[in-house]
Amino acid sequence: MYDMSTVAYYENLLRDSRAQWLADRMWWISVTPGNHQSIQLEDVYTVLSGGTPPETREEEGCDLLITLHCPVTAFFVHRSETDGTISILNLSSGYSSLRDYCRALSGGGATALGVVWGGKVWETLLYAENGEILAIYQEGFSRELGGGTTPETLEREMEFIHQFSEDTPEGVLLQKAAALAILEARSGLRISEEWLNSTHQAIYVDTPVEADYLEHPTFAAVEPDIAASLAGWPKDKKSALLFWVIDHLSTKFGFDWPEIVDARDALAAGGVLSAELREKVMDRTLRLGRKWLEGTGESSDEDAVSAKSRWRAGIAVRVALRELEQPHPAFSSLRLAKEALGAEWTIVRQKIQEQR
């Protein structure tokens, strides 16, 4: 099933090409649907976005490395035309938990196989099924550190990887090439310079999946009583609340930008957001995140907290604008607003309670 010629191919890619940076950083998950199951791309996008409406745009793989200098992850998503297997690659500098994403993406009968290395993470291979980690080998694909409920699930893969020694740089590179060969066999996707240089749809994520995503993916997990009340509201009443949240956050955090005003006006008039306007609003969020990140370690703790709250409030406004387009919003914007407002969240709670 796993071919040595594919290992040789990836060894050359990691060693000699313009994509040799892949030897220093890799994050790849392959999601296979269960029997009689079809995975919808929109569902994958929503999971990647931590339950919020996904933000997508066209990007080139090699450009993405230098265009993102903010606390945002960008995923590339590829679907196999043969069996519907989904490949997800994080080629940006943003960190994402392979474990948490494999759990989230393997729900509903799907399986997920993932590999990661780079930054503070040593080489790891992981397999999940139905939201459970069956096998994980970390710290240089270490057999001694194997974990999960049934680590032997990946025994064949470990044998394939460990035919190469980890005691030399050459052996480590070959182990990485073997891991990529395993992911290619699983997904049907071959990473090449041509593929990296081509344009793909990227999913921008600033509300990543967290460890409790499967158990608590929505606003209802953090405010169950309010969520239960909102569920019975008619669409126009839900929209009025989202408009109020946008206005409240914009006033408190000084979001007097034309993009926000234009987007709000378009939706209030019964229109939809154009792709161009969506990107402009997203770019505002990216700049807020970049400002917070650049000030980390250089400003006072109070200023850093303020900058982060402003960034999260900006995300809440953007998500609320997107939720206004949805017939059944999940109110992820309220979860983000609660994070941004802190103790002042009681104002929003009071507003909702008054409308019951």
Protein backbone atom coordinates (compact mmCIF):
# COMPACT_ATOMS: atom_id res chain seq x y z
CA MET A 1 0.00 0.00 0.00
CA TYR A 2 2.87 2.37 0.81
CA ASP A 3 5.34 2.77 -2.01
CA MET A 4 9.08 3.39 -1.71
CA SER A 5 9.10 5.39 -4.92
CA THR A 6 6.71 7.84 -3.23
CA VAL A 7 9.13 8.12 -0.31
CA ALA A 8 11.90 8.94 -2.79
CA TYR A 9 9.66 11.55 -4.40
CA TYR A 10 9.01 13.33 -1.09
CA GLU A 11 12.65 13.04 -0.05
CA ASN A 12 13.57 15.03 -3.16
CA LEU A 13 10.78 17.53 -2.53
CA LEU A 14 11.89 18.11 1.05
CA ARG A 15 15.56 18.31 0.15
CA ASP A 16 16.05 19.97 -3.19
CA SER A 17 13.09 22.06 -4.25
CA ARG A 18 11.81 25.53 -3.50
CA ALA A 19 9.39 23.77 -1.15
CA GLN A 20 12.15 22.45 1.11
CA TRP A 21 10.67 24.59 3.91
CA LEU A 22 8.15 21.73 4.20
CA ALA A 23 10.90 19.77 5.95
CA ASP A 24 10.64 22.31 8.78
CA ARG A 25 6.87 22.67 8.93
CA MET A 26 4.02 20.35 7.97
CA TRP A 27 0.38 19.99 9.06
CA TRP A 28 -1.82 17.66 7.00
CA ILE A 29 -5.05 15.84 7.85
CA SER A 30 -6.81 13.37 5.57
CA VAL A 31 -10.50 12.83 6.38
CA THR A 32 -12.18 9.75 4.91
CA PRO A 33 -15.98 9.46 4.96
CA GLY A 34 -17.59 6.41 6.53
CA ASN A 35 -19.70 3.88 4.68
CA HIS A 36 -22.60 5.50 2.80
CA GLN A 37 -21.39 8.89 4.01
CA SER A 38 -20.64 12.01 2.00
CA ILE A 39 -18.68 14.83 3.59
CA GLN A 40 -19.90 18.27 2.54
CA LEU A 41 -17.17 20.87 2.07
CA GLU A 42 -19.25 23.54 3.79
CA ASP A 43 -19.45 21.32 6.88
CA VAL A 44 -15.66 20.93 6.82
CA TYR A 45 -15.21 24.70 6.49
CA THR A 46 -17.48 25.28 9.49
CA VAL A 47 -15.60 22.77 11.64
CA LEU A 48 -12.27 24.35 10.66
CA SER A 49 -13.67 27.74 11.67
CA GLY A 50 -14.64 26.53 15.13
CA GLY A 51 -18.35 26.72 14.37
CA THR A 52 -18.36 30.29 13.03
CA PRO A 53 -19.31 31.16 9.44
CA PRO A 54 -16.17 30.34 7.42
CA GLU A 55 -14.15 33.06 5.69
CA THR A 56 -12.71 31.93 2.37
CA ARG A 57 -10.53 33.52 -0.30
CA GLU A 58 -8.27 32.48 -3.13
CA GLU A 59 -4.58 32.19 -2.20
CA GLU A 60 -1.40 30.68 -3.57
CA GLY A 61 0.37 28.26 -1.26
CA CYS A 62 3.82 29.79 -1.48
CA ASP A 63 2.49 33.34 -1.03
CA LEU A 64 0.55 32.44 2.08
CA LEU A 65 3.71 32.05 4.13
CA ILE A 66 4.58 35.72 3.81
CA THR A 67 1.13 37.28 3.68
CA LEU A 68 0.02 36.20 7.15
CA HIS A 69 1.72 38.01 10.01
CA CYS A 70 -1.14 37.82 12.46
CA PRO A 71 -2.73 35.27 14.82
CA VAL A 72 -4.73 33.59 12.06
CA THR A 73 -4.49 30.13 10.54
CA ALA A 74 -5.17 29.54 6.86
CA PHE A 75 -6.16 26.07 5.71
CA PHE A 76 -6.13 24.71 2.17
CA VAL A 77 -8.83 22.11 1.49
CA HIS A 78 -8.70 19.55 -1.32
CA ARG A 79 -11.32 16.92 -2.18
CA SER A 80 -10.47 13.64 -3.90
CA GLU A 81 -12.56 13.07 -7.02
CA THR A 82 -12.48 9.29 -6.51
CA ASP A 83 -13.72 8.59 -2.97
CA GLY A 84 -14.49 12.01 -1.50
CA THR A 85 -11.55 11.99 0.90
CA ILE A 86 -10.79 15.49 2.18
CA SER A 87 -7.22 16.78 2.61
CA ILE A 88 -6.63 19.77 4.86
CA LEU A 89 -3.25 21.48 5.00
CA ASN A 90 -2.16 24.31 7.25
CA LEU A 91 0.64 25.98 5.31
CA SER A 92 0.54 29.25 7.26
CA SER A 93 2.52 30.06 10.36
CA GLY A 94 -0.49 29.85 12.67
CA TYR A 95 -0.49 26.97 15.16
CA SER A 96 -3.44 24.59 15.20
CA SER A 97 -3.88 21.52 17.40
CA LEU A 98 -3.71 18.40 15.23
CA ARG A 99 -5.32 16.39 18.02
CA ASP A 100 -8.32 18.71 18.41
CA TYR A 101 -8.94 19.04 14.69
CA CYS A 102 -8.68 15.29 14.08
CA ARG A 103 -11.23 14.69 16.81
CA ALA A 104 -13.60 17.31 15.43
CA LEU A 105 -13.26 16.21 11.80
CA SER A 106 -13.70 12.51 12.53
CA GLY A 107 -17.20 12.84 13.93
CA GLY A 108 -20.22 11.17 12.36
CA GLY A 109 -18.47 7.99 11.26
CA ALA A 110 -15.54 9.60 9.42
CA THR A 111 -11.89 8.81 10.14
CA ALA A 112 -8.97 11.25 10.24
CA LEU A 113 -5.27 10.59 9.79
CA GLY A 114 -2.93 13.49 10.48
CA VAL A 115 0.75 14.33 10.50
CA VAL A 116 2.46 17.39 11.95
CA TRP A 117 5.92 18.74 12.66
CA GLY A 118 7.51 22.14 13.10
CA GLY A 119 7.74 24.92 15.67
CA LYS A 120 7.58 23.39 19.13
CA VAL A 121 5.97 20.18 17.84
CA TRP A 122 8.11 17.14 17.00
CA GLU A 123 7.03 14.69 14.34
CA THR A 124 3.60 13.25 15.16
CA LEU A 125 1.27 10.79 13.43
CA LEU A 126 -2.32 10.53 14.69
CA TYR A 127 -5.45 8.55 13.83
CA ALA A 128 -8.98 9.37 15.01
CA GLU A 129 -12.35 7.77 14.46
CA ASN A 130 -15.79 8.96 15.59
CA GLY A 131 -14.24 11.79 17.56
CA GLU A 132 -11.85 9.52 19.49
CA ILE A 133 -8.04 9.36 19.28
CA LEU A 134 -7.32 5.70 18.56
CA ALA A 135 -3.57 6.06 18.00
CA ILE A 136 -0.98 8.81 18.34
CA TYR A 137 2.81 8.66 18.05
CA GLN A 138 4.62 11.84 19.09
CA GLU A 139 8.12 13.19 19.70
CA GLY A 140 9.69 11.97 16.47
CA PHE A 141 7.07 9.28 15.73
CA SER A 142 8.27 7.58 18.92
CA ARG A 143 6.94 4.06 19.44
CA GLU A 144 7.78 4.34 23.12
CA LEU A 145 5.44 7.32 23.42
CA GLY A 146 2.56 5.74 21.53
CA GLY A 147 -0.86 6.57 22.93
CA GLY A 148 -4.56 6.48 22.21
CA THR A 149 -7.14 3.83 22.94
CA THR A 150 -5.69 1.34 20.41
CA PRO A 151 -2.16 2.41 19.40
CA GLU A 152 -1.72 -0.76 17.34
CA THR A 153 -4.11 0.75 14.79
CA LEU A 154 -1.07 2.47 13.26
CA GLU A 155 1.35 -0.43 13.63
CA ARG A 156 1.79 -0.88 9.86
CA GLU A 157 2.43 2.84 9.44
CA MET A 158 4.99 2.82 12.26
CA GLU A 159 6.83 -0.07 10.64
CA PHE A 160 6.95 1.81 7.36
CA ILE A 161 8.27 4.99 8.98
CA HIS A 162 10.77 3.23 11.25
CA GLN A 163 12.48 1.32 8.49
CA PHE A 164 14.54 4.52 8.51
CA SER A 165 16.65 5.43 11.52
CA GLU A 166 15.94 8.59 13.49
CA ASP A 167 19.59 8.72 14.62
CA THR A 168 20.81 10.78 11.65
CA PRO A 169 19.49 13.89 9.86
CA GLU A 170 19.20 11.78 6.72
CA GLY A 171 17.06 9.21 8.55
CA VAL A 172 14.81 11.88 10.06
CA LEU A 173 14.21 13.36 6.61
CA LEU A 174 13.34 9.93 5.25
CA GLN A 175 10.92 9.34 8.11
CA LYS A 176 9.17 12.58 7.21
CA ALA A 177 9.08 11.54 3.55
CA ALA A 178 7.58 8.19 4.58
CA ALA A 179 4.89 9.96 6.61
CA LEU A 180 3.98 12.09 3.59
CA ALA A 181 3.84 8.96 1.44
CA ILE A 182 1.34 7.51 3.92
CA LEU A 183 -0.84 10.62 3.74
CA GLU A 184 -0.68 10.61 -0.07
CA ALA A 185 -1.79 6.95 -0.18
CA ARG A 186 -4.62 7.76 2.17
CA SER A 187 -5.84 10.93 0.44
CA GLY A 188 -4.90 10.62 -3.20
CA LEU A 189 -3.28 14.07 -3.05
CA ARG A 190 0.33 14.57 -4.13
CA ILE A 191 2.00 17.73 -2.86
CA SER A 192 4.19 19.18 -5.60
CA GLU A 193 5.80 22.49 -6.44
CA GLU A 194 3.15 22.97 -9.09
CA TRP A 195 0.39 22.35 -6.57
CA LEU A 196 1.96 24.73 -4.05
CA ASN A 197 2.34 27.43 -6.68
CA SER A 198 -1.25 27.13 -7.87
CA THR A 199 -4.28 28.94 -6.49
CA HIS A 200 -6.50 27.27 -3.91
CA GLN A 201 -9.38 28.28 -1.72
CA ALA A 202 -8.04 29.12 1.72
CA ILE A 203 -10.13 29.06 4.88
CA TYR A 204 -9.06 31.83 7.25
CA VAL A 205 -9.54 30.89 10.90
CA ASP A 206 -9.23 33.13 13.95
CA THR A 207 -11.64 31.11 16.11
CA PRO A 208 -9.90 27.70 16.06
CA VAL A 209 -11.29 24.40 17.24
CA GLU A 210 -10.55 23.83 20.92
CA ALA A 211 -10.27 20.66 22.97
CA ASP A 212 -13.95 20.65 23.98
CA TYR A 213 -15.31 21.42 20.50
CA LEU A 214 -17.20 18.12 20.13
CA GLU A 215 -18.88 18.56 23.50
CA HIS A 216 -19.31 22.35 23.37
CA PRO A 217 -19.25 23.63 19.78
CA THR A 218 -21.77 26.45 20.11
CA PHE A 219 -22.92 29.43 22.14
CA ALA A 220 -25.41 27.13 23.86
CA ALA A 221 -22.52 25.47 25.71
CA VAL A 222 -21.51 28.68 27.49
CA GLU A 223 -24.95 30.28 27.93
CA PRO A 224 -27.51 27.47 27.77
CA ASP A 225 -30.41 29.43 29.24
CA ILE A 226 -29.99 32.36 26.85
CA ALA A 227 -29.48 30.06 23.87
CA ALA A 228 -32.66 28.17 24.73
CA SER A 229 -34.58 31.43 24.77
CA LEU A 230 -33.08 32.64 21.48
CA ALA A 231 -34.00 29.37 19.76
CA GLY A 232 -37.67 30.30 19.95
CA TRP A 233 -37.28 33.81 18.59
CA PRO A 234 -38.48 34.63 15.04
CA LYS A 235 -35.87 35.56 12.44
CA ASP A 236 -36.56 39.30 12.55
CA LYS A 237 -36.09 39.37 16.32
CA LYS A 238 -32.82 37.43 16.06
CA SER A 239 -31.62 39.87 13.39
CA ALA A 240 -32.51 42.86 15.56
CA LEU A 241 -30.38 41.42 18.37
CA LEU A 242 -27.42 40.85 16.04
CA PHE A 243 -27.68 44.42 14.74
CA TRP A 244 -27.74 45.67 18.34
CA VAL A 245 -24.64 43.60 19.22
CA ILE A 246 -22.81 45.02 16.17
CA ASP A 247 -23.71 48.58 17.19
CA HIS A 248 -22.85 48.03 20.84
CA LEU A 249 -19.41 46.56 20.12
CA SER A 250 -18.67 49.11 17.40
CA THR A 251 -19.42 51.98 19.78
CA LYS A 252 -17.50 50.53 22.73
CA PHE A 253 -14.39 49.58 20.74
CA GLY A 254 -14.40 52.44 18.21
CA PHE A 255 -15.17 50.46 15.05
CA ASP A 256 -16.24 53.46 12.97
CA TRP A 257 -14.82 51.99 9.78
CA PRO A 258 -16.60 52.35 6.44
CA GLU A 259 -16.44 48.61 5.77
CA ILE A 260 -18.47 47.86 8.89
CA VAL A 261 -20.95 50.63 8.15
CA ASP A 262 -21.38 49.53 4.53
CA ALA A 263 -21.84 45.89 5.50
CA ARG A 264 -24.39 46.75 8.18
CA ASP A 265 -26.32 49.04 5.85
CA ALA A 266 -26.40 46.42 3.08
CA LEU A 267 -27.80 43.78 5.41
CA ALA A 268 -30.27 46.17 7.04
CA ALA A 269 -31.62 46.91 3.56
CA GLY A 270 -32.21 43.21 2.97
CA GLY A 271 -29.17 42.68 0.76
CA VAL A 272 -26.22 40.32 1.03
CA LEU A 273 -22.51 40.95 1.47
CA SER A 274 -20.44 40.95 -1.68
CA ALA A 275 -17.23 38.92 -1.73
CA GLU A 276 -15.27 42.16 -1.91
CA LEU A 277 -16.97 43.62 1.15
CA ARG A 278 -16.50 40.38 3.08
CA GLU A 279 -12.79 40.50 2.38
CA LYS A 280 -12.57 44.13 3.50
CA VAL A 281 -14.27 43.32 6.79
CA MET A 282 -11.99 40.29 7.25
CA ASP A 283 -8.93 42.44 6.56
CA ARG A 284 -9.98 44.76 9.37
CA THR A 285 -10.06 41.77 11.71
CA LEU A 286 -6.62 40.67 10.50
CA ARG A 287 -5.19 44.11 11.24
CA LEU A 288 -6.64 44.07 14.76
CA GLY A 289 -5.06 40.68 15.37
CA ARG A 290 -1.74 41.83 13.95
CA LYS A 291 -1.73 44.89 16.22
CA TRP A 292 -2.35 42.74 19.29
CA LEU A 293 0.32 40.23 18.27
CA GLU A 294 2.93 42.89 17.54
CA GLY A 295 2.34 44.47 20.95
CA THR A 296 2.69 41.19 22.84
CA GLY A 297 5.70 41.40 25.12
CA GLU A 298 6.28 45.07 24.34
CA SER A 299 3.27 46.71 26.00
CA SER A 300 1.90 46.56 29.51
CA ASP A 301 -0.31 43.66 30.54
CA GLU A 302 -3.30 46.01 30.63
CA ASP A 303 -2.65 47.28 27.10
CA ALA A 304 -2.15 43.74 25.81
CA VAL A 305 -5.47 42.62 27.32
CA SER A 306 -7.19 45.67 25.83
CA ALA A 307 -5.74 45.00 22.37
CA LYS A 308 -6.77 41.36 22.51
CA SER A 309 -10.31 42.27 23.64
CA ARG A 310 -10.56 44.72 20.76
CA TRP A 311 -9.43 42.03 18.32
CA ARG A 312 -11.97 39.52 19.65
CA ALA A 313 -14.69 42.18 19.52
CA GLY A 314 -13.80 42.80 15.88
CA ILE A 315 -14.20 39.09 15.17
CA ALA A 316 -17.58 39.13 16.97
CA VAL A 317 -18.77 41.99 14.75
CA ARG A 318 -17.62 40.20 11.59
CA VAL A 319 -19.28 36.95 12.65
CA ALA A 320 -22.51 38.77 13.56
CA LEU A 321 -22.58 40.31 10.08
CA ARG A 322 -22.21 36.85 8.55
CA GLU A 323 -24.85 35.37 10.86
CA LEU A 324 -27.33 37.99 9.66
CA GLU A 325 -27.18 36.21 6.29
CA GLN A 326 -28.08 32.84 7.84
CA PRO A 327 -31.64 31.61 8.34
CA HIS A 328 -30.69 29.89 11.60
CA PRO A 329 -27.69 31.66 13.20
CA ALA A 330 -25.77 29.74 15.85
CA PHE A 331 -24.91 33.01 17.64
CA SER A 332 -21.19 32.30 17.69
CA SER A 333 -20.89 36.09 17.65
CA LEU A 334 -22.37 36.21 21.15
CA ARG A 335 -19.77 33.72 22.41
CA LEU A 336 -17.06 35.99 21.02
CA ALA A 337 -18.76 39.11 22.38
CA LYS A 338 -18.79 37.55 25.84
CA GLU A 339 -15.05 36.91 25.57
CA ALA A 340 -14.37 40.48 24.45
CA LEU A 341 -16.63 42.25 26.95
CA GLY A 342 -15.63 40.36 30.08
CA ALA A 343 -17.57 41.72 33.06
CA GLU A 344 -19.60 43.99 30.77
CA TRP A 345 -21.22 40.93 29.19
CA THR A 346 -24.00 41.48 31.73
CA ILE A 347 -25.22 44.37 29.53
CA VAL A 348 -25.86 41.95 26.67
CA ARG A 349 -27.50 39.43 28.97
CA GLN A 350 -29.80 42.13 30.30
CA LYS A 351 -30.69 43.24 26.79
CA ILE A 352 -31.67 39.67 25.82
CA GLN A 353 -33.64 39.14 29.01
CA GLU A 354 -35.61 42.34 28.37
CA GLN A 355 -36.63 40.98 24.96
CA ARG A 356 -37.95 37.64 26.23
